[in-house]
Amino acid sequence: MIIAIPVSENKGKDSPISEHFGRAPYFAFVKVENDKVLDISVEENPLAQDHIAGAVPNFVKEKGAELVIVRGIGKRAFSIFETLGIKVIRGASGTVEEVVNRYLAGQLRDLDYEVREKFHHH
């Protein structure tokens, strides 16, 4: 399985999760098998500046992600992920390593964390 996580810096497993989903400068793609992390790659978000509705969820799908772990995400992007069959866990914080370890330990729940208008610019 591949887990996608929007991050604010390119620091591998130590990359901090981004407050913003679509405008995150990078995405970490974490390959997990049998509850073990096999690979972490951090890629620039080519859509961070454009922020075209639906573009980022499709970018994440093209990378093969089956799960997205975010701090906050808008309702529209969340529903696009649902349509694409990609699970979203909201309300996460910390680094890529911390978030993935909590997920693998069954300690990460979707907290229905919604981006507030002051952060959400369309």
PDB file of N, CA and C in Angstrom:
ATOM      1  N   MET A   1       0.830  -1.176   0.000  1.00  0.00           N
ATOM      2  CA  MET A   1       0.000   0.000   0.000  1.00  0.00           C
ATOM      3  C   MET A   1       0.880   1.248   0.000  1.00  0.00           C
ATOM      4  N   ILE A   2       0.395   2.284  -0.657  1.00  0.00           N
ATOM      5  CA  ILE A   2       1.092   3.567  -0.653  1.00  0.00           C
ATOM      6  C   ILE A   2       0.232   4.578   0.101  1.00  0.00           C
ATOM      7  N   ILE A   3       0.865   5.262   1.048  1.00  0.00           N
ATOM      8  CA  ILE A   3       0.209   6.301   1.835  1.00  0.00           C
ATOM      9  C   ILE A   3       0.765   7.645   1.371  1.00  0.00           C
ATOM     10  N   ALA A   4      -0.118   8.589   1.055  1.00  0.00           N
ATOM     11  CA  ALA A   4       0.300   9.937   0.667  1.00  0.00           C
ATOM     12  C   ALA A   4       0.069  10.889   1.835  1.00  0.00           C
ATOM     13  N   ILE A   5       1.065  11.741   2.091  1.00  0.00           N
ATOM     14  CA  ILE A   5       0.976  12.704   3.190  1.00  0.00           C
ATOM     15  C   ILE A   5       1.484  14.060   2.689  1.00  0.00           C
ATOM     16  N   PRO A   6       0.657  15.109   2.760  1.00  0.00           N
ATOM     17  CA  PRO A   6       1.144  16.440   2.377  1.00  0.00           C
ATOM     18  C   PRO A   6       2.111  16.953   3.444  1.00  0.00           C
ATOM     19  N   VAL A   7       3.282  17.417   3.014  1.00  0.00           N
ATOM     20  CA  VAL A   7       4.292  17.876   3.973  1.00  0.00           C
ATOM     21  C   VAL A   7       4.797  19.270   3.606  1.00  0.00           C
ATOM     22  N   SER A   8       5.298  19.980   4.623  1.00  0.00           N
ATOM     23  CA  SER A   8       5.736  21.358   4.412  1.00  0.00           C
ATOM     24  C   SER A   8       7.219  21.471   4.075  1.00  0.00           C
ATOM     25  N   GLU A   9       7.994  20.402   4.327  1.00  0.00           N
ATOM     26  CA  GLU A   9       9.426  20.403   4.020  1.00  0.00           C
ATOM     27  C   GLU A   9       9.841  19.044   3.477  1.00  0.00           C
ATOM     28  N   ASN A  10      10.924  19.037   2.705  1.00  0.00           N
ATOM     29  CA  ASN A  10      11.448  17.788   2.157  1.00  0.00           C
ATOM     30  C   ASN A  10      12.559  17.276   3.069  1.00  0.00           C
ATOM     31  N   LYS A  11      12.153  16.524   4.113  1.00  0.00           N
ATOM     32  CA  LYS A  11      13.119  15.980   5.073  1.00  0.00           C
ATOM     33  C   LYS A  11      12.927  14.479   5.249  1.00  0.00           C
ATOM     34  N   GLY A  12      12.461  13.793   4.201  1.00  0.00           N
ATOM     35  CA  GLY A  12      12.264  12.354   4.297  1.00  0.00           C
ATOM     36  C   GLY A  12      11.296  11.994   5.405  1.00  0.00           C
ATOM     37  N   LYS A  13      11.677  11.026   6.246  1.00  0.00           N
ATOM     38  CA  LYS A  13      10.794  10.559   7.324  1.00  0.00           C
ATOM     39  C   LYS A  13      10.545  11.637   8.373  1.00  0.00           C
ATOM     40  N   ASP A  14      11.400  12.655   8.404  1.00  0.00           N
ATOM     41  CA  ASP A  14      11.257  13.744   9.373  1.00  0.00           C
ATOM     42  C   ASP A  14      10.492  14.943   8.812  1.00  0.00           C
ATOM     43  N   SER A  15       9.920  14.791   7.623  1.00  0.00           N
ATOM     44  CA  SER A  15       9.133  15.875   7.029  1.00  0.00           C
ATOM     45  C   SER A  15       7.884  16.129   7.868  1.00  0.00           C
ATOM     46  N   PRO A  16       7.635  17.397   8.254  1.00  0.00           N
ATOM     47  CA  PRO A  16       6.434  17.695   9.042  1.00  0.00           C
ATOM     48  C   PRO A  16       5.188  17.757   8.160  1.00  0.00           C
ATOM     49  N   ILE A  17       4.088  17.212   8.675  1.00  0.00           N
ATOM     50  CA  ILE A  17       2.831  17.241   7.941  1.00  0.00           C
ATOM     51  C   ILE A  17       2.410  18.698   7.743  1.00  0.00           C
ATOM     52  N   SER A  18       1.872  18.998   6.568  1.00  0.00           N
ATOM     53  CA  SER A  18       1.469  20.361   6.227  1.00  0.00           C
ATOM     54  C   SER A  18       0.076  20.674   6.771  1.00  0.00           C
ATOM     55  N   GLU A  19      -0.121  21.926   7.167  1.00  0.00           N
ATOM     56  CA  GLU A  19      -1.448  22.384   7.594  1.00  0.00           C
ATOM     57  C   GLU A  19      -2.407  22.405   6.406  1.00  0.00           C
ATOM     58  N   HIS A  20      -1.864  22.601   5.226  1.00  0.00           N
ATOM     59  CA  HIS A  20      -2.684  22.750   4.023  1.00  0.00           C
ATOM     60  C   HIS A  20      -2.521  21.525   3.138  1.00  0.00           C
ATOM     61  N   PHE A  21      -3.611  21.012   2.630  1.00  0.00           N
ATOM     62  CA  PHE A  21      -3.542  19.844   1.756  1.00  0.00           C
ATOM     63  C   PHE A  21      -3.122  20.241   0.342  1.00  0.00           C
ATOM     64  N   GLY A  22      -3.971  20.951  -0.363  1.00  0.00           N
ATOM     65  CA  GLY A  22      -3.727  21.260  -1.775  1.00  0.00           C
ATOM     66  C   GLY A  22      -2.533  22.145  -2.023  1.00  0.00           C
ATOM     67  N   ARG A  23      -2.237  23.024  -1.072  1.00  0.00           N
ATOM     68  CA  ARG A  23      -1.121  23.954  -1.240  1.00  0.00           C
ATOM     69  C   ARG A  23       0.177  23.472  -0.582  1.00  0.00           C
ATOM     70  N   ALA A  24       0.185  22.250  -0.102  1.00  0.00           N
ATOM     71  CA  ALA A  24       1.416  21.709   0.498  1.00  0.00           C
ATOM     72  C   ALA A  24       2.520  21.726  -0.553  1.00  0.00           C
ATOM     73  N   PRO A  25       3.715  22.202  -0.202  1.00  0.00           N
ATOM     74  CA  PRO A  25       4.785  22.259  -1.201  1.00  0.00           C
ATOM     75  C   PRO A  25       5.300  20.889  -1.637  1.00  0.00           C
ATOM     76  N   TYR A  26       5.115  19.878  -0.765  1.00  0.00           N
ATOM     77  CA  TYR A  26       5.595  18.528  -1.074  1.00  0.00           C
ATOM     78  C   TYR A  26       4.569  17.486  -0.639  1.00  0.00           C
ATOM     79  N   PHE A  27       4.712  16.301  -1.205  1.00  0.00           N
ATOM     80  CA  PHE A  27       3.961  15.136  -0.748  1.00  0.00           C
ATOM     81  C   PHE A  27       4.944  14.019  -0.460  1.00  0.00           C
ATOM     82  N   ALA A  28       4.759  13.363   0.669  1.00  0.00           N
ATOM     83  CA  ALA A  28       5.532  12.163   0.978  1.00  0.00           C
ATOM     84  C   ALA A  28       4.695  10.969   0.543  1.00  0.00           C
ATOM     85  N   PHE A  29       5.314  10.040  -0.157  1.00  0.00           N
ATOM     86  CA  PHE A  29       4.661   8.798  -0.563  1.00  0.00           C
ATOM     87  C   PHE A  29       5.375   7.663   0.161  1.00  0.00           C
ATOM     88  N   VAL A  30       4.633   6.991   1.025  1.00  0.00           N
ATOM     89  CA  VAL A  30       5.210   5.974   1.901  1.00  0.00           C
ATOM     90  C   VAL A  30       4.704   4.607   1.472  1.00  0.00           C
ATOM     91  N   LYS A  31       5.630   3.736   1.069  1.00  0.00           N
ATOM     92  CA  LYS A  31       5.258   2.374   0.673  1.00  0.00           C
ATOM     93  C   LYS A  31       5.320   1.481   1.901  1.00  0.00           C
ATOM     94  N   VAL A  32       4.188   0.832   2.192  1.00  0.00           N
ATOM     95  CA  VAL A  32       4.066  -0.012   3.380  1.00  0.00           C
ATOM     96  C   VAL A  32       3.616  -1.404   2.958  1.00  0.00           C
ATOM     97  N   GLU A  33       4.255  -2.422   3.515  1.00  0.00           N
ATOM     98  CA  GLU A  33       3.843  -3.812   3.292  1.00  0.00           C
ATOM     99  C   GLU A  33       3.995  -4.575   4.593  1.00  0.00           C
ATOM    100  N   ASN A  34       2.993  -5.370   4.938  1.00  0.00           N
ATOM    101  CA  ASN A  34       3.028  -6.164   6.175  1.00  0.00           C
ATOM    102  C   ASN A  34       3.389  -5.313   7.396  1.00  0.00           C
ATOM    103  N   ASP A  35       2.777  -4.141   7.486  1.00  0.00           N
ATOM    104  CA  ASP A  35       2.997  -3.213   8.607  1.00  0.00           C
ATOM    105  C   ASP A  35       4.439  -2.744   8.745  1.00  0.00           C
ATOM    106  N   LYS A  36       5.182  -2.752   7.644  1.00  0.00           N
ATOM    107  CA  LYS A  36       6.553  -2.257   7.657  1.00  0.00           C
ATOM    108  C   LYS A  36       6.724  -1.214   6.551  1.00  0.00           C
ATOM    109  N   VAL A  37       7.456  -0.152   6.871  1.00  0.00           N
ATOM    110  CA  VAL A  37       7.746   0.885   5.881  1.00  0.00           C
ATOM    111  C   VAL A  37       8.885   0.395   4.992  1.00  0.00           C
ATOM    112  N   LEU A  38       8.622   0.301   3.693  1.00  0.00           N
ATOM    113  CA  LEU A  38       9.646  -0.144   2.743  1.00  0.00           C
ATOM    114  C   LEU A  38      10.380   1.028   2.106  1.00  0.00           C
ATOM    115  N   ASP A  39       9.650   2.132   1.887  1.00  0.00           N
ATOM    116  CA  ASP A  39      10.253   3.254   1.172  1.00  0.00           C
ATOM    117  C   ASP A  39       9.489   4.536   1.475  1.00  0.00           C
ATOM    118  N   ILE A  40      10.219   5.641   1.560  1.00  0.00           N
ATOM    119  CA  ILE A  40       9.608   6.964   1.691  1.00  0.00           C
ATOM    120  C   ILE A  40      10.230   7.851   0.628  1.00  0.00           C
ATOM    121  N   SER A  41       9.396   8.401  -0.246  1.00  0.00           N
ATOM    122  CA  SER A  41       9.903   9.367  -1.216  1.00  0.00           C
ATOM    123  C   SER A  41       9.106  10.653  -1.059  1.00  0.00           C
ATOM    124  N   VAL A  42       9.815  11.777  -1.095  1.00  0.00           N
ATOM    125  CA  VAL A  42       9.163  13.081  -0.989  1.00  0.00           C
ATOM    126  C   VAL A  42       9.296  13.761  -2.340  1.00  0.00           C
ATOM    127  N   GLU A  43       8.157  14.181  -2.880  1.00  0.00           N
ATOM    128  CA  GLU A  43       8.140  14.814  -4.200  1.00  0.00           C
ATOM    129  C   GLU A  43       7.512  16.192  -4.109  1.00  0.00           C
ATOM    130  N   GLU A  44       7.987  17.085  -4.965  1.00  0.00           N
ATOM    131  CA  GLU A  44       7.404  18.413  -5.030  1.00  0.00           C
ATOM    132  C   GLU A  44       5.961  18.300  -5.514  1.00  0.00           C
ATOM    133  N   ASN A  45       5.086  19.090  -4.932  1.00  0.00           N
ATOM    134  CA  ASN A  45       3.693  19.140  -5.378  1.00  0.00           C
ATOM    135  C   ASN A  45       3.637  20.066  -6.591  1.00  0.00           C
ATOM    136  N   PRO A  46       3.470  19.519  -7.798  1.00  0.00           N
ATOM    137  CA  PRO A  46       3.483  20.355  -9.000  1.00  0.00           C
ATOM    138  C   PRO A  46       2.266  21.268  -9.089  1.00  0.00           C
ATOM    139  N   LEU A  47       1.288  21.049  -8.228  1.00  0.00           N
ATOM    140  CA  LEU A  47       0.039  21.806  -8.290  1.00  0.00           C
ATOM    141  C   LEU A  47      -0.118  22.780  -7.130  1.00  0.00           C
ATOM    142  N   ALA A  48       0.916  22.958  -6.319  1.00  0.00           N
ATOM    143  CA  ALA A  48       0.816  23.796  -5.115  1.00  0.00           C
ATOM    144  C   ALA A  48       0.407  25.230  -5.440  1.00  0.00           C
ATOM    145  N   GLN A  49       0.879  25.751  -6.548  1.00  0.00           N
ATOM    146  CA  GLN A  49       0.565  27.140  -6.901  1.00  0.00           C
ATOM    147  C   GLN A  49      -0.766  27.270  -7.640  1.00  0.00           C
ATOM    148  N   ASP A  50      -1.104  26.278  -8.450  1.00  0.00           N
ATOM    149  CA  ASP A  50      -2.303  26.366  -9.289  1.00  0.00           C
ATOM    150  C   ASP A  50      -3.584  26.137  -8.503  1.00  0.00           C
ATOM    151  N   HIS A  51      -3.581  25.134  -7.649  1.00  0.00           N
ATOM    152  CA  HIS A  51      -4.731  24.789  -6.805  1.00  0.00           C
ATOM    153  C   HIS A  51      -6.023  24.678  -7.619  1.00  0.00           C
ATOM    154  N   ILE A  52      -5.987  23.887  -8.673  1.00  0.00           N
ATOM    155  CA  ILE A  52      -7.174  23.616  -9.483  1.00  0.00           C
ATOM    156  C   ILE A  52      -7.965  22.520  -8.777  1.00  0.00           C
ATOM    157  N   ALA A  53      -9.238  22.772  -8.556  1.00  0.00           N
ATOM    158  CA  ALA A  53     -10.078  21.809  -7.832  1.00  0.00           C
ATOM    159  C   ALA A  53      -9.996  20.427  -8.477  1.00  0.00           C
ATOM    160  N   GLY A  54      -9.701  19.432  -7.677  1.00  0.00           N
ATOM    161  CA  GLY A  54      -9.644  18.055  -8.157  1.00  0.00           C
ATOM    162  C   GLY A  54      -8.296  17.624  -8.691  1.00  0.00           C
ATOM    163  N   ALA A  55      -7.413  18.576  -8.966  1.00  0.00           N
ATOM    164  CA  ALA A  55      -6.125  18.227  -9.570  1.00  0.00           C
ATOM    165  C   ALA A  55      -5.220  17.474  -8.593  1.00  0.00           C
ATOM    166  N   VAL A  56      -5.154  17.920  -7.354  1.00  0.00           N
ATOM    167  CA  VAL A  56      -4.262  17.274  -6.384  1.00  0.00           C
ATOM    168  C   VAL A  56      -4.729  15.855  -6.052  1.00  0.00           C
ATOM    169  N   PRO A  57      -6.033  15.628  -5.800  1.00  0.00           N
ATOM    170  CA  PRO A  57      -6.461  14.237  -5.585  1.00  0.00           C
ATOM    171  C   PRO A  57      -6.102  13.319  -6.757  1.00  0.00           C
ATOM    172  N   ASN A  58      -6.209  13.820  -7.981  1.00  0.00           N
ATOM    173  CA  ASN A  58      -5.851  12.997  -9.139  1.00  0.00           C
ATOM    174  C   ASN A  58      -4.342  12.760  -9.214  1.00  0.00           C
ATOM    175  N   PHE A  59      -3.537  13.758  -8.841  1.00  0.00           N
ATOM    176  CA  PHE A  59      -2.080  13.605  -8.771  1.00  0.00           C
ATOM    177  C   PHE A  59      -1.723  12.494  -7.777  1.00  0.00           C
ATOM    178  N   VAL A  60      -2.382  12.522  -6.615  1.00  0.00           N
ATOM    179  CA  VAL A  60      -2.136  11.520  -5.573  1.00  0.00           C
ATOM    180  C   VAL A  60      -2.542  10.130  -6.065  1.00  0.00           C
ATOM    181  N   LYS A  61      -3.673  10.038  -6.757  1.00  0.00           N
ATOM    182  CA  LYS A  61      -4.134   8.750  -7.296  1.00  0.00           C
ATOM    183  C   LYS A  61      -3.138   8.204  -8.321  1.00  0.00           C
ATOM    184  N   GLU A  62      -2.622   9.092  -9.182  1.00  0.00           N
ATOM    185  CA  GLU A  62      -1.643   8.668 -10.198  1.00  0.00           C
ATOM    186  C   GLU A  62      -0.387   8.071  -9.563  1.00  0.00           C
ATOM    187  N   LYS A  63      -0.072   8.489  -8.352  1.00  0.00           N
ATOM    188  CA  LYS A  63       1.099   7.966  -7.639  1.00  0.00           C
ATOM    189  C   LYS A  63       0.797   6.625  -6.972  1.00  0.00           C
ATOM    190  N   GLY A  64      -0.447   6.163  -7.082  1.00  0.00           N
ATOM    191  CA  GLY A  64      -0.810   4.850  -6.562  1.00  0.00           C
ATOM    192  C   GLY A  64      -1.252   4.825  -5.111  1.00  0.00           C
ATOM    193  N   ALA A  65      -1.489   5.991  -4.526  1.00  0.00           N
ATOM    194  CA  ALA A  65      -1.880   6.040  -3.112  1.00  0.00           C
ATOM    195  C   ALA A  65      -3.268   5.448  -2.896  1.00  0.00           C
ATOM    196  N   GLU A  66      -3.392   4.697  -1.808  1.00  0.00           N
ATOM    197  CA  GLU A  66      -4.684   4.129  -1.403  1.00  0.00           C
ATOM    198  C   GLU A  66      -5.202   4.797  -0.142  1.00  0.00           C
ATOM    199  N   LEU A  67      -4.326   5.560   0.511  1.00  0.00           N
ATOM    200  CA  LEU A  67      -4.674   6.237   1.756  1.00  0.00           C
ATOM    201  C   LEU A  67      -3.971   7.586   1.776  1.00  0.00           C
ATOM    202  N   VAL A  68      -4.686   8.610   2.242  1.00  0.00           N
ATOM    203  CA  VAL A  68      -4.107   9.937   2.417  1.00  0.00           C
ATOM    204  C   VAL A  68      -4.266  10.307   3.886  1.00  0.00           C
ATOM    205  N   ILE A  69      -3.169  10.718   4.508  1.00  0.00           N
ATOM    206  CA  ILE A  69      -3.216  11.170   5.898  1.00  0.00           C
ATOM    207  C   ILE A  69      -2.917  12.664   5.890  1.00  0.00           C
ATOM    208  N   VAL A  70      -3.855  13.461   6.412  1.00  0.00           N
ATOM    209  CA  VAL A  70      -3.753  14.918   6.343  1.00  0.00           C
ATOM    210  C   VAL A  70      -4.010  15.554   7.704  1.00  0.00           C
ATOM    211  N   ARG A  71      -3.629  16.814   7.812  1.00  0.00           N
ATOM    212  CA  ARG A  71      -4.023  17.624   8.972  1.00  0.00           C
ATOM    213  C   ARG A  71      -5.445  18.123   8.707  1.00  0.00           C
ATOM    214  N   GLY A  72      -5.589  18.875   7.634  1.00  0.00           N
ATOM    215  CA  GLY A  72      -6.897  19.395   7.255  1.00  0.00           C
ATOM    216  C   GLY A  72      -7.081  19.304   5.757  1.00  0.00           C
ATOM    217  N   ILE A  73      -8.332  19.228   5.332  1.00  0.00           N
ATOM    218  CA  ILE A  73      -8.642  19.107   3.908  1.00  0.00           C
ATOM    219  C   ILE A  73     -10.034  19.684   3.680  1.00  0.00           C
ATOM    220  N   GLY A  74     -10.216  20.340   2.555  1.00  0.00           N
ATOM    221  CA  GLY A  74     -11.521  20.896   2.230  1.00  0.00           C
ATOM    222  C   GLY A  74     -12.523  19.803   1.882  1.00  0.00           C
ATOM    223  N   LYS A  75     -13.800  20.141   2.012  1.00  0.00           N
ATOM    224  CA  LYS A  75     -14.863  19.164   1.745  1.00  0.00           C
ATOM    225  C   LYS A  75     -14.827  18.655   0.309  1.00  0.00           C
ATOM    226  N   ARG A  76     -14.531  19.546  -0.628  1.00  0.00           N
ATOM    227  CA  ARG A  76     -14.535  19.152  -2.038  1.00  0.00           C
ATOM    228  C   ARG A  76     -13.444  18.110  -2.327  1.00  0.00           C
ATOM    229  N   ALA A  77     -12.228  18.384  -1.871  1.00  0.00           N
ATOM    230  CA  ALA A  77     -11.130  17.429  -2.086  1.00  0.00           C
ATOM    231  C   ALA A  77     -11.436  16.110  -1.380  1.00  0.00           C
ATOM    232  N   PHE A  78     -12.003  16.196  -0.168  1.00  0.00           N
ATOM    233  CA  PHE A  78     -12.353  14.989   0.580  1.00  0.00           C
ATOM    234  C   PHE A  78     -13.344  14.141  -0.212  1.00  0.00           C
ATOM    235  N   SER A  79     -14.363  14.779  -0.782  1.00  0.00           N
ATOM    236  CA  SER A  79     -15.366  14.010  -1.533  1.00  0.00           C
ATOM    237  C   SER A  79     -14.794  13.458  -2.839  1.00  0.00           C
ATOM    238  N   ILE A  80     -13.836  14.165  -3.440  1.00  0.00           N
ATOM    239  CA  ILE A  80     -13.183  13.640  -4.650  1.00  0.00           C
ATOM    240  C   ILE A  80     -12.407  12.371  -4.303  1.00  0.00           C
ATOM    241  N   PHE A  81     -11.701  12.372  -3.172  1.00  0.00           N
ATOM    242  CA  PHE A  81     -10.994  11.164  -2.746  1.00  0.00           C
ATOM    243  C   PHE A  81     -11.971  10.012  -2.523  1.00  0.00           C
ATOM    244  N   GLU A  82     -13.123  10.300  -1.920  1.00  0.00           N
ATOM    245  CA  GLU A  82     -14.141   9.257  -1.722  1.00  0.00           C
ATOM    246  C   GLU A  82     -14.555   8.668  -3.062  1.00  0.00           C
ATOM    247  N   THR A  83     -14.790   9.534  -4.036  1.00  0.00           N
ATOM    248  CA  THR A  83     -15.179   9.093  -5.381  1.00  0.00           C
ATOM    249  C   THR A  83     -14.088   8.240  -6.019  1.00  0.00           C
ATOM    250  N   LEU A  84     -12.823   8.592  -5.772  1.00  0.00           N
ATOM    251  CA  LEU A  84     -11.685   7.853  -6.339  1.00  0.00           C
ATOM    252  C   LEU A  84     -11.394   6.558  -5.576  1.00  0.00           C
ATOM    253  N   GLY A  85     -12.086   6.346  -4.456  1.00  0.00           N
ATOM    254  CA  GLY A  85     -11.868   5.136  -3.662  1.00  0.00           C
ATOM    255  C   GLY A  85     -10.625   5.193  -2.793  1.00  0.00           C
ATOM    256  N   ILE A  86     -10.190   6.405  -2.464  1.00  0.00           N
ATOM    257  CA  ILE A  86      -9.007   6.588  -1.622  1.00  0.00           C
ATOM    258  C   ILE A  86      -9.461   7.046  -0.242  1.00  0.00           C
ATOM    259  N   LYS A  87      -9.028   6.326   0.785  1.00  0.00           N
ATOM    260  CA  LYS A  87      -9.407   6.648   2.159  1.00  0.00           C
ATOM    261  C   LYS A  87      -8.623   7.870   2.639  1.00  0.00           C
ATOM    262  N   VAL A  88      -9.274   8.718   3.443  1.00  0.00           N
ATOM    263  CA  VAL A  88      -8.631   9.904   4.004  1.00  0.00           C
ATOM    264  C   VAL A  88      -8.750   9.864   5.526  1.00  0.00           C
ATOM    265  N   ILE A  89      -7.635  10.088   6.202  1.00  0.00           N
ATOM    266  CA  ILE A  89      -7.639  10.242   7.657  1.00  0.00           C
ATOM    267  C   ILE A  89      -7.252  11.691   7.943  1.00  0.00           C
ATOM    268  N   ARG A  90      -8.162  12.418   8.604  1.00  0.00           N
ATOM    269  CA  ARG A  90      -7.957  13.840   8.888  1.00  0.00           C
ATOM    270  C   ARG A  90      -7.562  14.062  10.344  1.00  0.00           C
ATOM    271  N   GLY A  91      -6.933  15.219  10.592  1.00  0.00           N
ATOM    272  CA  GLY A  91      -6.602  15.615  11.954  1.00  0.00           C
ATOM    273  C   GLY A  91      -5.246  15.148  12.440  1.00  0.00           C
ATOM    274  N   ALA A  92      -4.415  14.625  11.549  1.00  0.00           N
ATOM    275  CA  ALA A  92      -3.095  14.121  11.949  1.00  0.00           C
ATOM    276  C   ALA A  92      -2.105  15.271  12.106  1.00  0.00           C
ATOM    277  N   SER A  93      -1.112  15.070  12.965  1.00  0.00           N
ATOM    278  CA  SER A  93      -0.037  16.049  13.103  1.00  0.00           C
ATOM    279  C   SER A  93       1.251  15.308  13.448  1.00  0.00           C
ATOM    280  N   GLY A  94       2.372  15.986  13.224  1.00  0.00           N
ATOM    281  CA  GLY A  94       3.671  15.372  13.493  1.00  0.00           C
ATOM    282  C   GLY A  94       4.464  15.196  12.212  1.00  0.00           C
ATOM    283  N   THR A  95       5.453  14.310  12.256  1.00  0.00           N
ATOM    284  CA  THR A  95       6.286  14.034  11.085  1.00  0.00           C
ATOM    285  C   THR A  95       5.731  12.819  10.341  1.00  0.00           C
ATOM    286  N   VAL A  96       6.244  12.599   9.149  1.00  0.00           N
ATOM    287  CA  VAL A  96       5.839  11.437   8.353  1.00  0.00           C
ATOM    288  C   VAL A  96       6.030  10.156   9.168  1.00  0.00           C
ATOM    289  N   GLU A  97       7.203  10.001   9.774  1.00  0.00           N
ATOM    290  CA  GLU A  97       7.485   8.792  10.553  1.00  0.00           C
ATOM    291  C   GLU A  97       6.489   8.619  11.705  1.00  0.00           C
ATOM    292  N   GLU A  98       6.221   9.692  12.447  1.00  0.00           N
ATOM    293  CA  GLU A  98       5.301   9.614  13.584  1.00  0.00           C
ATOM    294  C   GLU A  98       3.889   9.241  13.137  1.00  0.00           C
ATOM    295  N   VAL A  99       3.425   9.892  12.087  1.00  0.00           N
ATOM    296  CA  VAL A  99       2.066   9.665  11.591  1.00  0.00           C
ATOM    297  C   VAL A  99       1.905   8.236  11.074  1.00  0.00           C
ATOM    298  N   VAL A 100       2.867   7.763  10.296  1.00  0.00           N
ATOM    299  CA  VAL A 100       2.785   6.407   9.741  1.00  0.00           C
ATOM    300  C   VAL A 100       2.872   5.372  10.862  1.00  0.00           C
ATOM    301  N   ASN A 101       3.754   5.584  11.825  1.00  0.00           N
ATOM    302  CA  ASN A 101       3.854   4.643  12.950  1.00  0.00           C
ATOM    303  C   ASN A 101       2.555   4.578  13.740  1.00  0.00           C
ATOM    304  N   ARG A 102       1.914   5.732  13.963  1.00  0.00           N
ATOM    305  CA  ARG A 102       0.627   5.737  14.670  1.00  0.00           C
ATOM    306  C   ARG A 102      -0.430   5.001  13.851  1.00  0.00           C
ATOM    307  N   TYR A 103      -0.416   5.202  12.535  1.00  0.00           N
ATOM    308  CA  TYR A 103      -1.380   4.509  11.673  1.00  0.00           C
ATOM    309  C   TYR A 103      -1.159   2.994  11.746  1.00  0.00           C
ATOM    310  N   LEU A 104       0.084   2.559  11.608  1.00  0.00           N
ATOM    311  CA  LEU A 104       0.387   1.124  11.618  1.00  0.00           C
ATOM    312  C   LEU A 104       0.058   0.485  12.966  1.00  0.00           C
ATOM    313  N   ALA A 105       0.120   1.271  14.039  1.00  0.00           N
ATOM    314  CA  ALA A 105      -0.194   0.762  15.380  1.00  0.00           C
ATOM    315  C   ALA A 105      -1.696   0.836  15.678  1.00  0.00           C
ATOM    316  N   GLY A 106      -2.471   1.305  14.692  1.00  0.00           N
ATOM    317  CA  GLY A 106      -3.916   1.407  14.887  1.00  0.00           C
ATOM    318  C   GLY A 106      -4.322   2.556  15.795  1.00  0.00           C
ATOM    319  N   GLN A 107      -3.453   3.554  15.926  1.00  0.00           N
ATOM    320  CA  GLN A 107      -3.717   4.669  16.842  1.00  0.00           C
ATOM    321  C   GLN A 107      -4.153   5.943  16.135  1.00  0.00           C
ATOM    322  N   LEU A 108      -4.392   5.875  14.840  1.00  0.00           N
ATOM    323  CA  LEU A 108      -4.761   7.073  14.089  1.00  0.00           C
ATOM    324  C   LEU A 108      -6.202   6.936  13.621  1.00  0.00           C
ATOM    325  N   ARG A 109      -7.037   7.867  14.053  1.00  0.00           N
ATOM    326  CA  ARG A 109      -8.446   7.850  13.653  1.00  0.00           C
ATOM    327  C   ARG A 109      -8.762   9.113  12.873  1.00  0.00           C
ATOM    328  N   ASP A 110      -9.731   9.027  11.981  1.00  0.00           N
ATOM    329  CA  ASP A 110     -10.193  10.197  11.240  1.00  0.00           C
ATOM    330  C   ASP A 110     -10.920  11.106  12.221  1.00  0.00           C
ATOM    331  N   LEU A 111     -10.415  12.330  12.367  1.00  0.00           N
ATOM    332  CA  LEU A 111     -10.975  13.261  13.341  1.00  0.00           C
ATOM    333  C   LEU A 111     -11.892  14.303  12.719  1.00  0.00           C
ATOM    334  N   ASP A 112     -12.250  14.123  11.451  1.00  0.00           N
ATOM    335  CA  ASP A 112     -13.163  15.054  10.791  1.00  0.00           C
ATOM    336  C   ASP A 112     -12.675  16.493  10.960  1.00  0.00           C
ATOM    337  N   TYR A 113     -11.371  16.673  10.807  1.00  0.00           N
ATOM    338  CA  TYR A 113     -10.749  17.993  10.942  1.00  0.00           C
ATOM    339  C   TYR A 113     -10.971  18.756   9.652  1.00  0.00           C
ATOM    340  N   GLU A 114     -11.659  19.882   9.757  1.00  0.00           N
ATOM    341  CA  GLU A 114     -11.985  20.650   8.557  1.00  0.00           C
ATOM    342  C   GLU A 114     -11.145  21.915   8.496  1.00  0.00           C
ATOM    343  N   VAL A 115     -10.696  22.255   7.317  1.00  0.00           N
ATOM    344  CA  VAL A 115      -9.934  23.481   7.124  1.00  0.00           C
ATOM    345  C   VAL A 115     -10.876  24.662   7.326  1.00  0.00           C
ATOM    346  N   ARG A 116     -10.475  25.594   8.151  1.00  0.00           N
ATOM    347  CA  ARG A 116     -11.281  26.793   8.390  1.00  0.00           C
ATOM    348  C   ARG A 116     -11.094  27.775   7.240  1.00  0.00           C
ATOM    349  N   GLU A 117     -12.072  28.617   7.053  1.00  0.00           N
ATOM    350  CA  GLU A 117     -12.062  29.554   5.928  1.00  0.00           C
ATOM    351  C   GLU A 117     -10.810  30.425   5.872  1.00  0.00           C
ATOM    352  N   LYS A 118     -10.253  30.816   7.018  1.00  0.00           N
ATOM    353  CA  LYS A 118      -9.084  31.692   6.983  1.00  0.00           C
ATOM    354  C   LYS A 118      -7.880  31.017   6.329  1.00  0.00           C
ATOM    355  N   PHE A 119      -7.881  29.693   6.298  1.00  0.00           N
ATOM    356  CA  PHE A 119      -6.787  28.968   5.652  1.00  0.00           C
ATOM    357  C   PHE A 119      -7.138  28.538   4.239  1.00  0.00           C
ATOM    358  N   HIS A 120      -8.399  28.565   3.907  1.00  0.00           N
ATOM    359  CA  HIS A 120      -8.880  27.972   2.664  1.00  0.00           C
ATOM    360  C   HIS A 120      -9.190  29.062   1.642  1.00  0.00           C
ATOM    361  N   HIS A 121      -8.309  29.269   0.710  1.00  0.00           N
ATOM    362  CA  HIS A 121      -8.493  30.327  -0.290  1.00  0.00           C
ATOM    363  C   HIS A 121      -8.782  29.722  -1.647  1.00  0.00           C
ATOM    364  N   HIS A 122      -9.919  30.077  -2.205  1.00  0.00           N
ATOM    365  CA  HIS A 122     -10.253  29.624  -3.565  1.00  0.00           C
ATOM    366  C   HIS A 122     -10.475  30.800  -4.450  1.00  0.00           C
TER     367      HIS A 122
END
